[in-house]
Protein backbone atom coordinates (compact mmCIF):
# COMPACT_ATOMS: atom_id res chain seq x y z
CA MET A 1 -31.51 -130.05 84.46
CA GLY A 2 -29.31 -132.53 86.27
CA VAL A 3 -26.05 -131.21 84.77
CA THR A 4 -23.31 -129.23 86.44
CA TYR A 5 -23.89 -125.48 86.40
CA TYR A 6 -21.43 -123.95 83.91
CA ALA A 7 -19.95 -121.36 86.31
CA ASN A 8 -18.91 -124.09 88.74
CA TYR A 9 -16.04 -124.93 86.41
CA LEU A 10 -14.42 -121.54 87.09
CA VAL A 11 -14.73 -122.15 90.83
CA TRP A 12 -13.13 -125.58 90.34
CA PHE A 13 -10.29 -123.92 88.42
CA GLU A 14 -9.58 -121.68 91.41
CA VAL A 15 -9.59 -124.62 93.81
CA ALA A 16 -7.33 -126.62 91.47
CA ARG A 17 -4.71 -123.89 91.03
CA THR A 18 -4.67 -123.14 94.77
CA ASP A 19 -4.16 -126.84 95.45
CA LEU A 20 -1.42 -127.05 92.81
CA MET A 21 0.49 -124.18 94.42
CA ARG A 22 0.08 -125.77 97.86
CA THR A 23 1.38 -129.16 96.66
CA MET A 24 4.37 -127.38 95.12
CA GLY A 25 5.22 -125.95 98.52
CA TRP A 26 3.80 -122.43 98.52
CA THR A 27 0.36 -121.08 99.28
CA TYR A 28 -1.47 -118.07 97.89
CA ARG A 29 -1.66 -116.73 101.43
CA GLU A 30 2.14 -116.80 101.78
CA MET A 31 2.53 -114.97 98.46
CA GLU A 32 -0.04 -112.35 99.43
CA GLU A 33 1.71 -111.83 102.77
CA LEU A 34 4.75 -110.83 100.69
CA GLY A 35 2.56 -108.28 98.89
CA VAL A 36 2.07 -110.13 95.57
CA PHE A 37 -1.42 -110.89 94.27
CA LEU A 38 -2.52 -112.86 91.17
CA PRO A 39 -5.82 -111.50 89.87
CA VAL A 40 -7.33 -113.27 86.87
CA ILE A 41 -7.03 -111.17 83.70
CA ASP A 42 -8.40 -113.79 81.30
CA ALA A 43 -10.52 -116.91 81.85
CA ARG A 44 -11.68 -119.43 79.27
CA CYS A 45 -13.56 -122.68 79.45
CA GLU A 46 -14.50 -125.00 76.62
CA TYR A 47 -17.29 -127.38 77.60
CA ARG A 48 -16.99 -130.70 75.80
CA LYS A 49 -19.17 -133.16 77.70
CA SER A 50 -21.69 -132.67 80.47
CA THR A 51 -20.99 -133.73 84.00
CA LYS A 52 -23.91 -134.58 86.22
CA TYR A 53 -24.88 -133.30 89.59
CA ASP A 54 -22.96 -135.24 92.25
CA ASP A 55 -20.35 -136.66 89.82
CA GLU A 56 -16.91 -137.01 91.32
CA ILE A 57 -14.62 -134.64 89.37
CA GLU A 58 -10.89 -134.85 88.68
CA ILE A 59 -8.93 -131.81 87.53
CA GLU A 60 -5.45 -131.90 86.03
CA THR A 61 -3.72 -128.54 86.40
CA THR A 62 -0.45 -127.17 85.03
CA GLY A 63 1.17 -123.75 85.24
CA GLU A 64 3.27 -121.78 82.79
CA ILE A 65 5.21 -118.52 83.11
CA LEU A 66 4.22 -116.20 80.25
CA SER A 67 6.33 -113.17 81.18
CA PRO A 68 7.99 -111.67 84.25
CA VAL A 69 4.54 -110.55 85.45
CA ARG A 70 2.14 -113.11 83.92
CA LEU A 71 1.33 -116.69 84.81
CA ALA A 72 -1.15 -119.05 83.12
CA PHE A 73 -2.83 -122.20 84.38
CA ASP A 74 -4.35 -124.88 82.14
CA TYR A 75 -7.06 -127.22 83.37
CA THR A 76 -8.51 -130.51 82.17
CA VAL A 77 -11.71 -131.54 83.94
CA ARG A 78 -12.97 -135.13 83.84
CA ALA A 79 -15.64 -137.09 85.60
CA ALA A 80 -13.78 -139.62 87.77
CA GLY A 81 -12.68 -142.58 85.66
CA ALA A 82 -13.58 -140.95 82.33
CA ASP A 83 -11.06 -140.81 79.50
CA ALA A 84 -12.56 -137.87 77.61
CA PRO A 85 -12.42 -134.41 79.17
CA ALA A 86 -15.67 -132.81 80.21
CA ALA A 87 -14.03 -129.38 79.87
CA VAL A 88 -10.69 -127.72 79.27
CA GLY A 89 -9.80 -124.24 80.41
CA ARG A 90 -7.15 -121.64 80.98
CA THR A 91 -6.75 -118.69 83.29
CA VAL A 92 -4.13 -115.98 82.93
CA HIS A 93 -3.00 -113.98 85.95
CA ALA A 94 -1.03 -110.77 86.34
CA ALA A 95 1.17 -110.27 89.38
CA THR A 96 0.20 -107.07 91.18
CA THR A 97 0.86 -105.23 94.40
CA ALA A 98 -1.93 -104.76 96.94
CA GLU A 99 -2.60 -101.43 95.22
CA GLY A 100 -3.14 -103.17 91.88
CA ARG A 101 0.13 -102.10 90.26
CA PRO A 102 1.95 -104.68 88.10
CA CYS A 103 4.97 -106.29 89.72
CA ARG A 104 7.34 -109.14 88.96
CA LEU A 105 6.35 -112.66 89.89
CA PRO A 106 8.34 -113.79 92.93
CA GLU A 107 11.46 -115.80 92.08
CA ARG A 108 9.99 -118.71 93.99
CA VAL A 109 6.93 -118.81 91.69
CA ARG A 110 9.08 -118.45 88.56
CA GLY A 111 11.17 -121.38 89.78
CA MET A 112 8.11 -123.55 90.40
CA PHE A 113 6.94 -123.23 86.80
CA ALA A 114 10.26 -122.89 84.94
């Protein structure tokens, strides 16, 4: 069809939030080595305008602490140079142990998004 496959946006969200954490000075790997994981508990994407296969994509990402154990990321996806968003989305994550039990977000993460 020549347009971006809808599920790719969720993959782009993951890449964008991983990159955001890295640019803020901490990687997912470092957090997981401390025993804290951030599984997605809610994911939403509102598609507003099609992007085409092979378009260059820009994603603006922000994070927000929702509670001592929950963190949300908001995404705005645009084709490079476009003013209007192609999509907007949000993922919500719960901090868990390796065993899947809820735990507090590390102080370092809370400080990054305070």
